[in-house]
Each structure stands twice: as structure tokens, then as C-alpha cells.
Amino acid sequence: MSGTNLSRLPEELLEFILALVKDDVSPEAYWNCLRTSRQWHRVGLGLYKGLGLAAPVNIESDFLRCSVQQEHVASDFQLSITLGLEPPSQLYISLLKSLTLHVQHRRVAPPFHSPVTNQGLVQSLATVFAHTTGLTTFSLRACDGWDFPNLKVPVIPQSLLAGIVEVLPKTVVSLELDTAGVDVPPSFELTDKAPDRHMCFQISKILVRLRHLRLRTGHICSLLLPSQSSTQQCDATQSCNYCTSNNHATCALLRAWLMRSMIIWLPWGQTSSNNSFLEAAGSLIDPSLRNPTTILLIHQTDHAEPDRESVVDPPQNVYRFFSWTPESNVSTTLRERLEYFNFKPISGHSVKPSAARERPISELKRHSGRTCTEHDILLVTMNRSFQMSLSFEPGNSSPYPYMAEQTMESMLGWTQNSHLSYRFPTSEHAEHGKPFWNGKRLWACQFPGCKERCATLVHLRGHHMYAHPECPHYTKWQGYIPCPVLGCFRVGEHGFTNYEQIREHLLAHHVRKCTLLVDNS
């Protein structure tokens, strides 16, 4: 059929044909169909209830998180940020419903090739947001390697997160900010003198319109919750549990907001004695008080350092012996009876790797008589084990942090379409007509290159047991040698056939020149 005849097809018939194709072929094949013409592209995109897009963001800086305690008003962290946002078309952007940014840096992911912009990340996103008239979901998520095995990673000032929140379109109702808790918290001076650079303050301005909020950042305080009471009086002042207990601000917030689920990961080492948010949210998480919003707080405890005050104080690895403990306004009875609300505590530890992991560079070290700072940073990755049940049967522990997070958060959590793909609140699946309904297989395997989707987390655990290596950065898998750098996608079948390839690959992870390769002569 010629191009002229193609263009003569009535759009109703074309839409019907493309709908049949979409249901019968793979997503890749369907996208190839949409490249036939602009008309096919436009009509074909319209068949999606919601479009999602994921993009990598590379952040580099000479300032390392391990050497920075707080962000002050005068702080000027020089960041080099590259946004790899390459949408299929301008029309795709205009119809976009979900945007996910996966934050990387060179030591966990070799740099990708994409157009470099002179704008900062906030300015670049503001330009994109000007065209996303229907965006409902925004997620920023740090990839593996930001909080473990060390904090020799570029700084992410929390003012950067505040700037992103400030430019979000008014259509965004689902927000996720997950830096693995390693963003630099603001000082008291900054929150007092420059509130616009304070993430909690910026979120408080849009809190009443949000439906889903998930935060895993290095700072959470009471300014996240608006403290002003509504001018509109409660209709049941005498019988309202909040009003009678002098929690008028909480009552006003519950009457004003549209929140369905809120997940807050408290920073490492913070409790009610040193975190103002816990005190301000006390009545929100009281199971005895009526609250239509499901709220989950997650306490992160470092049992090896009981006096820990932050992720960098003391500087030791927080995963040596740790636990995550849930606290929720869902009663214990309901959590025990309903699997969807069974927020399970997680415990775990980390162990040092065997000497075999240094084989890719042992020969270089032996001949050069020197060490390399970059290699030393890259090859200290310890193996984490997340225990997801009191039973030690196979499948109840995992080295994959996302598996532990999903077990902890259950159906309140955010799921991911595939590895490094777009994310969305799992609970949206329960609403008829929501744009990110993915059938009954909501739980996607996030192992690099795997596109398996499972009906339950239990099925996903079983899939991991048989389809992927138990220690992805340690052991060979079907003859392939993995990259030992945590966060790198060269694992499993994407590994290497010999150690010479790994030695060359490790150089791509170097931020500075490798001293092992310097000529002695």
C-alpha cells in the first residue's frame, strides 16, 4: 500500500487496526508501527491511557557526600548534571503522564551519551514541564550505589530537590523523591533565611493537591505539614477526635487534602527525640483516630552504631547490621489480616567480598607495585543481605534492595514498569480508569535486561531465585563474569567473557586517571 493510500484511511478505521496490532504484538513491534507516519504516530499514541517516560540523570561533583554535613545559605556545590531526556516526539511529551528520573554517577554507571545542555537540571525540567500539560506523576530515584558501600558519591543538595518541586506542573498529584537518604540536609540557617531552598517547605505548598507522596531523603521536618488551621470550621467540632484533642491543624489538613497514601522514610538514626516531623505527625499516624489516608513511616536503625545521628555521622557503612521498622495508622489487626497492609519489618547485614573479586586488577597491581585510588573505591562493595521474613527458608532473603523496599511498603509502594523504566504508585491499580493500570502483573523484575512481570511479590522472589544470580556482582552466571561495581548493569548475562574485558570496563567507572596504568619508565 502506498503512502498516499495509507493517508486516505479514515482515522476511525486506522485507530481500530492499530488497537488490534497493539494487543497482538510486542511493545517494540508496536512502536515500529508508529514510525510509519506522523498520522500513525498521533493516532497510535492516543490508544494509551497514560504514557510513561524514564530518563537517566548523571550527576558529578568534586564535592563528595562523605565530606559534607549540611547545606548552608552560602553553600555553592559545583555540580555537572547531564539530563538524558530524549522523548520519541513532541507529541509524546504533550501526552506524558509519568516522568521518572534515574539518578546516576560515573562510579556506578558508565556515562551515557546524550545531548549536553548548558542549563541546570531545574531549568531543563522547567522547559520540559512547559509542554507536559497532562503530567500526573513525577519520580526522582537514585540508582544503586549512592548509599552503599561508601558515601564517596557526588553531593545532591536538598535545595536541588526543592527547586524541582517548585517547578512541578500543577497537574502532578503523585510525587516520589528517593535519594536513598544521601542528599545533603539543610542547616537551620538555610531553613530560616532561605525557605524556598527547603524541600519540606516547597512540598508543604502543594501537599493538599497530592494523592500519593513517597519520600526517602536525608531530611524530613515538621515544615512538611502545613501548620495553619483552615478558616472553615469543622462541621463536627464537638465529636471530632482531632478538634477535641486540640489538633485543629490536623483536622483542617485532613479536610483539605486529597492524599490517599503517604510513605516517609525517616533519615538514619532519627527518632521522635530528634525529628520534628514525628511530633507534628503524631495524630496522623494514630490508629485510633479516623483518617482516610494510609500513612507509612519507616524507621531506619543502625544497630552497629546505636548513637548514629545521620548517614555520615559516624562515617561507617550503615548496612553492617541494620533494620527497617514500619509505623502506620493502619491498626495492627488489619495489618495482620490483610496482606495488602502487611508492612513487614526488614533486617539485614553486609559482609566483605572474597579476595577473588579483585582478580580483574590483581595482575596490574602485582606488576606495577602501586595501588589506584579509583580502583580502591570501586572494589570495596560488600554484599548486602535483606532478610524479609523471620524464616530463613530460600527466597526470604535477597541482595536486591528494591525487593526489600517493596516487601516493606507492600501495596502502598511504587512499582516500576521494568529496569530503569518509569515508576507509579501501586495503589493506583485499584482505581478504575487510572492511566497506569498494568493488568494483574504489577510486580516487575528490575534486574538489568529482564522484562518479567509477576502477579505477587512471592512470585517475584521465586523468579529471582531461579532466573538471576544470588550475588549479582560476585559470582559468575552461565559463564559470564559480572562487573564488581554495585549499580553497574553489566551483571548476569550482560557480564563479560574474560577478565581482560573487565579491566578495560572498570576504567569507564574511573572519575580520575588510573594510576595502575601509568608507565614506570
Protein backbone atom coordinates (compact mmCIF):
# COMPACT_ATOMS: atom_id res chain seq x y z
CA MET A 1 0.00 0.00 0.00
CA SER A 2 1.47 3.34 -0.99
CA GLY A 3 1.96 6.24 1.40
CA THR A 4 -0.85 8.10 -0.38
CA ASN A 5 -3.32 5.26 0.22
CA LEU A 6 -2.21 4.98 3.85
CA SER A 7 -3.06 8.60 4.46
CA ARG A 8 -6.53 8.09 2.98
CA LEU A 9 -7.57 5.57 5.64
CA PRO A 10 -10.31 7.03 7.88
CA GLU A 11 -8.82 7.68 11.30
CA GLU A 12 -11.56 5.62 12.97
CA LEU A 13 -10.53 2.59 10.89
CA LEU A 14 -6.83 3.29 11.46
CA GLU A 15 -7.42 3.50 15.21
CA PHE A 16 -9.29 0.18 15.14
CA ILE A 17 -6.47 -1.50 13.19
CA LEU A 18 -3.74 -0.14 15.46
CA ALA A 19 -5.70 -1.27 18.53
CA LEU A 20 -5.70 -4.82 17.16
CA VAL A 21 -1.97 -4.60 16.43
CA LYS A 22 -1.22 -3.23 19.90
CA ASP A 23 -2.96 -6.16 21.58
CA ASP A 24 -1.27 -8.74 19.36
CA VAL A 25 2.40 -7.76 19.13
CA SER A 26 5.23 -6.78 21.45
CA PRO A 27 5.60 -3.15 22.57
CA GLU A 28 8.74 -2.85 20.41
CA ALA A 29 6.88 -4.01 17.30
CA TYR A 30 4.01 -1.66 18.03
CA TRP A 31 6.38 1.29 18.35
CA ASN A 32 7.89 0.39 14.99
CA CYS A 33 4.38 0.65 13.52
CA LEU A 34 4.01 4.13 14.94
CA ARG A 35 7.09 5.22 12.99
CA THR A 36 5.23 4.65 9.72
CA SER A 37 3.91 8.20 9.54
CA ARG A 38 3.03 11.17 11.70
CA GLN A 39 -0.63 10.24 11.44
CA TRP A 40 0.01 6.70 12.70
CA HIS A 41 2.18 8.12 15.48
CA ARG A 42 -0.54 10.53 16.61
CA VAL A 43 -3.40 8.03 16.43
CA GLY A 44 -1.33 5.22 17.97
CA LEU A 45 -0.29 7.30 20.97
CA GLY A 46 -3.93 8.06 21.63
CA LEU A 47 -4.57 4.37 22.37
CA TYR A 48 -2.57 4.62 25.59
CA LYS A 49 -4.47 5.62 28.72
CA GLY A 50 -1.21 7.00 30.04
CA LEU A 51 2.30 7.39 28.69
CA GLY A 52 5.36 6.99 30.86
CA LEU A 53 8.94 8.03 30.23
CA ALA A 54 12.13 7.36 32.15
CA ALA A 55 15.41 9.21 31.69
CA PRO A 56 18.89 8.97 33.23
CA VAL A 57 20.45 11.91 35.04
CA ASN A 58 24.21 11.89 35.57
CA ILE A 59 25.44 14.00 38.48
CA GLU A 60 29.16 14.61 39.01
CA SER A 61 30.91 16.86 41.51
CA ASP A 62 34.24 17.31 43.26
CA PHE A 63 32.24 17.63 46.49
CA LEU A 64 31.66 14.16 47.95
CA ARG A 65 28.81 13.32 50.29
CA CYS A 66 31.15 11.78 52.87
CA SER A 67 32.84 15.14 53.45
CA VAL A 68 29.74 17.38 53.64
CA GLN A 69 27.49 17.57 56.71
CA GLN A 70 24.93 20.26 55.82
CA GLU A 71 23.93 22.73 53.16
CA HIS A 72 24.19 26.37 54.26
CA VAL A 73 22.90 29.58 52.70
CA ALA A 74 26.37 30.32 51.32
CA SER A 75 26.98 26.76 50.06
CA ASP A 76 27.84 26.57 46.39
CA PHE A 77 28.21 22.96 45.31
CA GLN A 78 29.51 22.87 41.76
CA LEU A 79 27.56 20.12 40.02
CA SER A 80 27.91 18.80 36.50
CA ILE A 81 24.48 17.47 35.52
CA THR A 82 23.50 15.80 32.27
CA LEU A 83 19.85 15.02 31.61
CA GLY A 84 19.40 12.23 29.06
CA LEU A 85 15.80 13.09 28.21
CA GLU A 86 15.12 12.06 24.63
CA PRO A 87 11.35 11.68 24.07
CA PRO A 88 10.13 10.00 20.86
CA SER A 89 8.35 13.17 19.78
CA GLN A 90 6.96 16.50 20.98
CA LEU A 91 3.50 14.94 20.85
CA TYR A 92 4.68 12.22 23.23
CA ILE A 93 5.79 14.89 25.72
CA SER A 94 2.46 16.69 25.49
CA LEU A 95 0.60 13.44 26.29
CA LEU A 96 3.04 12.34 29.00
CA LYS A 97 1.51 11.17 32.29
CA SER A 98 4.53 9.86 34.19
CA LEU A 99 8.15 11.07 34.21
CA THR A 100 10.88 9.24 36.12
CA LEU A 101 14.48 10.41 36.54
CA HIS A 102 17.02 7.73 37.47
CA VAL A 103 19.97 9.48 39.14
CA GLN A 104 23.38 8.01 38.38
CA HIS A 105 27.04 8.94 38.60
CA ARG A 106 30.12 7.63 36.85
CA ARG A 107 31.26 5.26 39.57
CA VAL A 108 28.01 3.26 39.40
CA ALA A 109 27.14 3.67 35.73
CA PRO A 110 29.49 4.49 32.84
CA PRO A 111 28.47 7.84 31.35
CA PHE A 112 25.75 7.70 28.73
CA HIS A 113 25.92 9.65 25.51
CA SER A 114 23.24 12.30 25.17
CA PRO A 115 22.94 15.94 24.19
CA VAL A 116 24.57 18.15 26.80
CA THR A 117 22.66 21.22 27.87
CA ASN A 118 24.07 24.36 29.41
CA GLN A 119 21.01 24.64 31.62
CA GLY A 120 20.87 23.28 35.15
CA LEU A 121 18.59 20.37 35.97
CA VAL A 122 15.81 22.56 37.38
CA GLN A 123 15.85 24.87 34.35
CA SER A 124 15.89 21.89 31.96
CA LEU A 125 12.92 20.31 33.71
CA ALA A 126 11.04 23.61 33.75
CA THR A 127 11.44 23.75 29.96
CA VAL A 128 10.07 20.21 29.64
CA PHE A 129 7.22 20.85 32.08
CA ALA A 130 6.05 23.76 29.95
CA HIS A 131 4.88 21.16 27.39
CA THR A 132 3.60 18.41 29.72
CA THR A 133 0.04 19.60 30.08
CA GLY A 134 -1.22 16.29 31.48
CA LEU A 135 1.67 15.11 33.69
CA THR A 136 0.31 13.48 36.86
CA THR A 137 3.29 11.52 38.21
CA PHE A 138 6.88 12.58 38.85
CA SER A 139 9.57 10.38 40.35
CA LEU A 140 13.24 11.04 41.07
CA ARG A 141 15.08 7.93 42.20
CA ALA A 142 18.75 7.33 42.95
CA CYS A 143 20.18 4.16 41.46
CA ASP A 144 22.06 1.54 43.46
CA GLY A 145 25.44 2.69 44.73
CA TRP A 146 24.53 6.07 46.25
CA ASP A 147 24.31 4.95 49.87
CA PHE A 148 26.42 1.79 49.77
CA PRO A 149 29.16 0.64 50.18
CA ASN A 150 30.51 4.13 50.92
CA LEU A 151 29.49 7.75 50.55
CA LYS A 152 32.22 8.75 48.13
CA VAL A 153 29.49 9.88 45.76
CA PRO A 154 28.66 13.35 44.38
CA VAL A 155 26.62 15.57 46.68
CA ILE A 156 22.93 16.08 45.99
CA PRO A 157 21.98 19.27 47.86
CA GLN A 158 18.40 19.17 49.08
CA SER A 159 17.93 22.63 47.59
CA LEU A 160 18.08 20.87 44.20
CA LEU A 161 15.06 18.79 45.22
CA ALA A 162 13.31 21.93 46.47
CA GLY A 163 13.90 23.59 43.11
CA ILE A 164 12.41 20.63 41.25
CA VAL A 165 9.30 20.64 43.46
CA GLU A 166 8.90 24.37 42.91
CA VAL A 167 8.68 23.99 39.10
CA LEU A 168 6.43 20.92 39.03
CA PRO A 169 3.29 21.39 36.93
CA LYS A 170 0.06 21.86 38.85
CA THR A 171 -1.23 18.65 37.28
CA VAL A 172 1.24 16.50 39.26
CA VAL A 173 -0.60 14.64 42.03
CA SER A 174 1.83 11.73 42.63
CA LEU A 175 5.33 12.64 43.79
CA GLU A 176 8.32 10.48 44.68
CA LEU A 177 11.74 11.77 45.76
CA ASP A 178 14.14 8.94 46.63
CA THR A 179 17.82 9.78 47.02
CA ALA A 180 18.42 6.69 49.20
CA GLY A 181 18.64 9.25 52.00
CA VAL A 182 22.03 10.67 51.00
CA ASP A 183 21.06 14.16 49.84
CA VAL A 184 22.68 16.92 51.91
CA PRO A 185 20.23 18.21 54.55
CA PRO A 186 19.71 21.96 55.02
CA SER A 187 21.10 23.78 58.03
CA PHE A 188 18.83 25.65 60.45
CA GLU A 189 20.19 28.85 58.92
CA LEU A 190 19.03 27.82 55.44
CA THR A 191 15.54 26.75 56.52
CA ASP A 192 15.14 30.04 58.38
CA LYS A 193 16.65 32.52 55.92
CA ALA A 194 16.07 30.78 52.58
CA PRO A 195 12.86 28.71 52.92
CA ASP A 196 12.42 28.48 49.14
CA ARG A 197 15.54 26.27 49.09
CA HIS A 198 13.99 23.95 51.69
CA MET A 199 12.36 20.82 50.25
CA CYS A 200 9.86 20.32 53.08
CA PHE A 201 8.62 23.90 52.73
CA GLN A 202 8.18 23.53 48.96
CA ILE A 203 6.24 20.26 49.33
CA SER A 204 4.01 21.79 52.02
CA LYS A 205 2.80 24.31 49.43
CA ILE A 206 1.44 21.55 47.17
CA LEU A 207 0.60 18.94 49.81
CA VAL A 208 -3.17 19.41 49.69
CA ARG A 209 -3.33 18.55 45.98
CA LEU A 210 -1.18 15.42 46.16
CA ARG A 211 -2.71 11.95 46.17
CA HIS A 212 0.45 9.89 46.58
CA LEU A 213 3.68 11.00 48.25
CA ARG A 214 6.81 8.93 48.78
CA LEU A 215 9.91 10.49 50.34
CA ARG A 216 13.24 8.85 51.10
CA THR A 217 15.55 11.76 51.67
CA GLY A 218 18.23 12.90 54.09
CA HIS A 219 16.00 15.42 55.83
CA ILE A 220 12.35 15.44 56.92
CA CYS A 221 10.93 18.02 59.31
CA SER A 222 7.63 19.41 60.61
CA LEU A 223 7.52 22.07 57.88
CA LEU A 224 6.37 19.32 55.53
CA LEU A 225 2.92 19.58 57.13
CA PRO A 226 1.13 22.95 56.86
CA SER A 227 0.54 24.27 60.37
CA GLN A 228 -2.13 26.86 59.61
CA SER A 229 -5.65 25.95 60.64
CA SER A 230 -8.33 26.33 58.00
CA THR A 231 -10.65 29.31 58.26
CA GLN A 232 -13.51 26.91 57.56
CA GLN A 233 -14.76 25.42 60.81
CA CYS A 234 -15.09 21.69 61.29
CA ASP A 235 -18.71 20.53 60.98
CA ALA A 236 -18.35 18.19 63.95
CA THR A 237 -16.19 20.16 66.37
CA GLN A 238 -17.71 18.58 69.47
CA SER A 239 -17.28 14.99 68.27
CA CYS A 240 -14.17 15.32 66.09
CA ASN A 241 -11.30 13.43 67.72
CA TYR A 242 -8.79 15.90 66.31
CA CYS A 243 -10.63 19.03 67.41
CA THR A 244 -11.38 17.73 70.91
CA SER A 245 -7.70 16.86 71.35
CA ASN A 246 -6.65 20.33 70.17
CA ASN A 247 -5.34 19.09 66.82
CA HIS A 248 -7.24 21.64 64.76
CA ALA A 249 -4.45 21.96 62.19
CA THR A 250 -4.52 18.20 61.55
CA CYS A 251 -8.30 18.28 61.23
CA ALA A 252 -8.05 21.13 58.72
CA LEU A 253 -5.36 19.28 56.75
CA LEU A 254 -7.42 16.10 56.51
CA ARG A 255 -10.42 18.08 55.29
CA ALA A 256 -8.34 19.94 52.72
CA TRP A 257 -6.05 17.36 51.17
CA LEU A 258 -6.70 14.56 48.66
CA MET A 259 -3.91 12.28 49.89
CA ARG A 260 -4.51 8.55 49.50
CA SER A 261 -1.11 7.24 50.56
CA MET A 262 1.98 8.76 52.15
CA ILE A 263 5.27 6.92 52.65
CA ILE A 264 8.02 8.65 54.61
CA TRP A 265 11.43 7.08 55.19
CA LEU A 266 12.88 8.76 58.27
CA PRO A 267 16.59 9.62 57.95
CA TRP A 268 19.03 7.18 59.53
CA GLY A 269 19.25 7.46 63.30
CA GLN A 270 16.35 9.87 63.71
CA THR A 271 13.60 9.26 66.27
CA SER A 272 10.92 11.31 68.00
CA SER A 273 13.62 12.85 70.17
CA ASN A 274 15.47 14.49 67.26
CA ASN A 275 12.93 14.70 64.41
CA SER A 276 10.22 17.36 64.46
CA PHE A 277 8.15 15.66 61.76
CA LEU A 278 7.38 12.71 64.03
CA GLU A 279 5.95 15.02 66.67
CA ALA A 280 3.92 17.01 64.12
CA ALA A 281 2.56 13.83 62.52
CA GLY A 282 1.69 12.15 65.80
CA SER A 283 -2.08 12.37 65.39
CA LEU A 284 -1.89 11.44 61.68
CA ILE A 285 -0.39 8.04 62.47
CA ASP A 286 -2.59 7.30 65.47
CA PRO A 287 -4.61 4.16 64.53
CA SER A 288 -7.37 5.12 66.99
CA LEU A 289 -8.16 8.35 65.12
CA ARG A 290 -10.17 8.23 61.92
CA ASN A 291 -8.02 9.01 58.89
CA PRO A 292 -8.90 8.09 55.28
CA THR A 293 -5.25 8.44 54.24
CA THR A 294 -2.97 5.43 54.64
CA ILE A 295 0.33 6.61 56.11
CA LEU A 296 3.50 4.57 56.49
CA LEU A 297 6.60 5.78 58.32
CA ILE A 298 9.78 3.71 58.10
CA HIS A 299 12.42 3.91 60.83
CA GLN A 300 15.98 3.09 59.75
CA THR A 301 18.19 1.83 62.58
CA ASP A 302 21.92 1.14 62.53
CA HIS A 303 22.44 -1.42 65.30
CA ALA A 304 26.21 -1.33 64.85
CA GLU A 305 26.18 2.40 65.72
CA PRO A 306 23.22 2.98 68.10
CA ASP A 307 24.12 6.65 68.54
CA ARG A 308 24.09 7.41 64.82
CA GLU A 309 22.78 10.92 64.06
CA SER A 310 22.88 10.92 60.26
CA VAL A 311 24.02 8.86 57.30
CA VAL A 312 27.51 10.44 57.58
CA ASP A 313 27.81 10.64 61.38
CA PRO A 314 29.54 8.34 62.17
CA PRO A 315 31.07 7.73 58.72
CA GLN A 316 30.89 3.93 58.86
CA ASN A 317 28.65 1.99 56.49
CA VAL A 318 25.05 1.98 57.81
CA TYR A 319 24.33 -1.51 56.49
CA ARG A 320 26.69 -3.50 58.70
CA PHE A 321 23.82 -4.56 60.97
CA PHE A 322 20.57 -2.73 60.39
CA SER A 323 16.77 -2.88 60.47
CA TRP A 324 13.82 -1.08 58.89
CA THR A 325 10.73 -0.88 61.08
CA PRO A 326 7.26 0.20 59.89
CA GLU A 327 4.91 2.52 61.77
CA SER A 328 1.45 3.17 60.36
CA ASN A 329 -2.01 4.48 61.12
CA VAL A 330 -3.35 1.11 59.93
CA SER A 331 -4.18 -0.92 63.02
CA THR A 332 -2.14 -4.00 63.86
CA THR A 333 -5.25 -6.15 63.49
CA LEU A 334 -5.82 -5.06 59.90
CA ARG A 335 -2.15 -5.39 59.05
CA GLU A 336 -2.17 -8.99 60.27
CA ARG A 337 -5.36 -9.92 58.43
CA LEU A 338 -4.93 -8.05 55.14
CA GLU A 339 -1.86 -8.93 53.09
CA TYR A 340 -2.02 -5.60 51.26
CA PHE A 341 -1.33 -3.75 54.51
CA ASN A 342 1.11 -6.23 56.00
CA PHE A 343 4.09 -3.88 56.16
CA LYS A 344 6.85 -6.31 57.08
CA PRO A 345 9.96 -5.24 59.02
CA ILE A 346 13.29 -5.82 57.30
CA SER A 347 16.61 -6.70 58.92
CA GLY A 348 19.96 -7.30 57.35
CA HIS A 349 23.71 -7.07 57.30
CA SER A 350 26.62 -6.73 54.92
CA VAL A 351 29.75 -8.83 54.52
CA LYS A 352 33.09 -8.21 52.88
CA PRO A 353 33.76 -9.79 49.49
CA SER A 354 36.25 -12.54 48.94
CA ALA A 355 39.70 -11.86 47.54
CA ALA A 356 38.56 -13.37 44.24
CA ARG A 357 36.68 -10.18 43.43
CA GLU A 358 39.95 -8.32 42.93
CA ARG A 359 41.14 -10.73 40.27
CA PRO A 360 40.47 -8.23 37.43
CA ILE A 361 43.15 -5.89 38.79
CA SER A 362 45.38 -8.18 40.86
CA GLU A 363 47.71 -8.72 37.91
CA LEU A 364 48.01 -4.98 37.29
CA LYS A 365 48.81 -4.37 40.96
CA ARG A 366 51.42 -7.12 41.02
CA HIS A 367 53.30 -5.76 38.00
CA SER A 368 53.03 -2.07 38.82
CA GLY A 369 53.76 -2.24 42.54
CA ARG A 370 51.23 0.56 43.05
CA THR A 371 47.64 0.96 44.09
CA CYS A 372 44.91 3.01 42.47
CA THR A 373 42.56 5.21 44.49
CA GLU A 374 39.80 4.79 41.93
CA HIS A 375 40.07 1.01 41.98
CA ASP A 376 40.09 1.03 45.76
CA ILE A 377 36.82 3.00 45.79
CA LEU A 378 35.18 0.79 43.17
CA LEU A 379 36.14 -2.57 44.61
CA VAL A 380 35.04 -2.19 48.23
CA THR A 381 31.47 -3.22 47.50
CA MET A 382 30.24 -5.55 50.21
CA ASN A 383 27.34 -7.90 49.77
CA ARG A 384 24.10 -6.83 51.46
CA SER A 385 21.56 -9.35 52.61
CA PHE A 386 18.00 -8.19 53.28
CA GLN A 387 16.01 -10.59 55.46
CA MET A 388 12.32 -10.26 54.55
CA SER A 389 10.91 -12.87 56.92
CA LEU A 390 11.66 -14.47 60.28
CA SER A 391 12.01 -17.72 58.39
CA PHE A 392 15.40 -18.45 56.84
CA GLU A 393 13.96 -20.57 54.05
CA PRO A 394 15.19 -19.92 50.49
CA GLY A 395 13.65 -16.84 48.94
CA ASN A 396 13.17 -14.97 52.22
CA SER A 397 16.44 -13.08 51.88
CA SER A 398 17.70 -11.05 48.94
CA PRO A 399 20.69 -8.91 47.93
CA TYR A 400 18.36 -6.64 45.93
CA PRO A 401 17.31 -3.53 47.91
CA TYR A 402 14.25 -2.91 45.76
CA MET A 403 12.87 -6.30 46.79
CA ALA A 404 13.20 -5.33 50.46
CA GLU A 405 11.62 -1.92 49.85
CA GLN A 406 8.61 -3.44 48.11
CA THR A 407 8.19 -6.03 50.85
CA MET A 408 8.26 -3.28 53.46
CA GLU A 409 5.86 -0.94 51.64
CA SER A 410 3.58 -3.64 50.22
CA MET A 411 0.70 -2.28 48.10
CA LEU A 412 1.37 1.30 49.23
CA GLY A 413 4.71 1.35 47.45
CA TRP A 414 5.65 2.48 43.97
CA THR A 415 6.24 -0.11 41.31
CA GLN A 416 8.40 0.11 38.20
CA ASN A 417 7.49 -0.85 34.66
CA SER A 418 10.88 -2.50 34.06
CA HIS A 419 14.55 -1.93 34.82
CA LEU A 420 15.29 1.81 34.83
CA SER A 421 11.80 2.47 33.50
CA TYR A 422 9.02 4.74 34.71
CA ARG A 423 7.50 4.37 38.18
CA PHE A 424 4.00 4.84 39.52
CA PRO A 425 2.07 4.26 42.78
CA THR A 426 0.98 0.65 43.01
CA SER A 427 -2.27 1.60 44.74
CA GLU A 428 -3.40 3.39 41.57
CA HIS A 429 -4.22 -0.03 40.15
CA ALA A 430 -7.31 -0.20 42.37
CA GLU A 431 -8.95 2.82 40.73
CA HIS A 432 -10.94 2.15 37.59
CA GLY A 433 -9.69 4.15 34.63
CA LYS A 434 -6.36 5.16 36.20
CA PRO A 435 -3.70 5.62 33.50
CA PHE A 436 -1.12 3.16 34.80
CA TRP A 437 -3.23 0.08 35.13
CA ASN A 438 -0.99 -2.80 34.06
CA GLY A 439 -3.31 -5.74 34.50
CA LYS A 440 -2.64 -8.26 37.23
CA ARG A 441 1.13 -8.42 36.82
CA LEU A 442 2.18 -5.30 38.71
CA TRP A 443 5.49 -6.51 40.10
CA ALA A 444 8.26 -6.08 37.54
CA CYS A 445 11.69 -7.65 37.84
CA GLN A 446 14.26 -4.85 37.92
CA PHE A 447 17.26 -6.98 37.04
CA PRO A 448 19.01 -5.37 34.04
CA GLY A 449 17.53 -6.59 30.79
CA CYS A 450 14.79 -8.69 32.39
CA LYS A 451 11.21 -7.89 31.41
CA GLU A 452 9.42 -10.44 33.58
CA ARG A 453 6.32 -9.23 35.42
CA CYS A 454 4.79 -11.15 38.30
CA ALA A 455 1.37 -11.24 39.92
CA THR A 456 2.69 -11.04 43.51
CA LEU A 457 5.88 -10.33 45.39
CA VAL A 458 6.09 -14.01 46.30
CA HIS A 459 6.16 -14.90 42.60
CA LEU A 460 8.83 -12.23 42.04
CA ARG A 461 11.01 -13.76 44.77
CA GLY A 462 10.69 -17.16 43.11
CA HIS A 463 11.58 -15.65 39.76
CA HIS A 464 14.74 -14.10 41.26
CA MET A 465 15.76 -17.41 42.83
CA TYR A 466 15.80 -19.30 39.54
CA ALA A 467 16.38 -16.67 36.85
CA HIS A 468 19.13 -14.46 38.32
CA PRO A 469 22.36 -14.85 40.33
CA GLU A 470 22.12 -14.82 44.11
CA CYS A 471 25.05 -12.39 44.34
CA PRO A 472 24.88 -10.40 41.08
CA HIS A 473 28.22 -8.58 41.44
CA TYR A 474 30.13 -11.52 42.92
CA THR A 475 29.64 -14.78 41.11
CA LYS A 476 29.75 -15.99 37.53
CA TRP A 477 26.40 -16.62 35.88
CA GLN A 478 26.17 -19.05 32.97
CA GLY A 479 29.82 -18.43 32.18
CA TYR A 480 29.64 -14.63 32.35
CA ILE A 481 31.76 -12.64 34.80
CA PRO A 482 29.93 -9.67 36.40
CA CYS A 483 31.23 -6.17 36.88
CA PRO A 484 32.08 -5.90 40.60
CA VAL A 485 30.80 -2.31 40.84
CA LEU A 486 27.46 -2.00 42.64
CA GLY A 487 24.93 -0.31 40.40
CA CYS A 488 26.51 -1.30 37.10
CA PHE A 489 24.18 -3.09 34.68
CA ARG A 490 26.92 -5.47 33.44
CA VAL A 491 25.76 -8.42 35.53
CA GLY A 492 24.21 -11.80 34.77
CA GLU A 493 24.07 -12.46 31.04
CA HIS A 494 25.27 -8.89 30.47
CA GLY A 495 28.62 -9.74 32.08
CA PHE A 496 32.00 -10.40 30.45
CA THR A 497 33.61 -13.47 28.96
CA ASN A 498 37.11 -12.78 30.33
CA TYR A 499 38.89 -10.65 32.94
CA GLU A 500 40.68 -8.54 30.34
CA GLN A 501 37.31 -7.12 29.32
CA ILE A 502 36.52 -6.26 32.94
CA ARG A 503 39.83 -4.46 33.40
CA GLU A 504 39.05 -2.27 30.40
CA HIS A 505 35.45 -1.77 31.53
CA LEU A 506 36.49 -0.65 35.03
CA LEU A 507 38.32 2.31 33.50
CA ALA A 508 34.95 3.67 32.36
CA HIS A 509 33.94 3.87 36.02
CA HIS A 510 37.01 5.96 36.90
CA VAL A 511 36.46 9.61 37.71
CA ARG A 512 40.20 10.27 37.79
CA LYS A 513 43.10 8.74 35.89
CA CYS A 514 44.03 5.17 36.79
CA THR A 515 47.46 5.17 38.45
CA LEU A 516 47.93 1.45 37.79
CA LEU A 517 48.32 2.19 34.09
CA VAL A 518 51.00 4.89 34.46
CA ASP A 519 54.19 3.92 32.65
CA ASN A 520 57.08 3.40 35.13
CA SER A 521 59.67 4.35 32.54
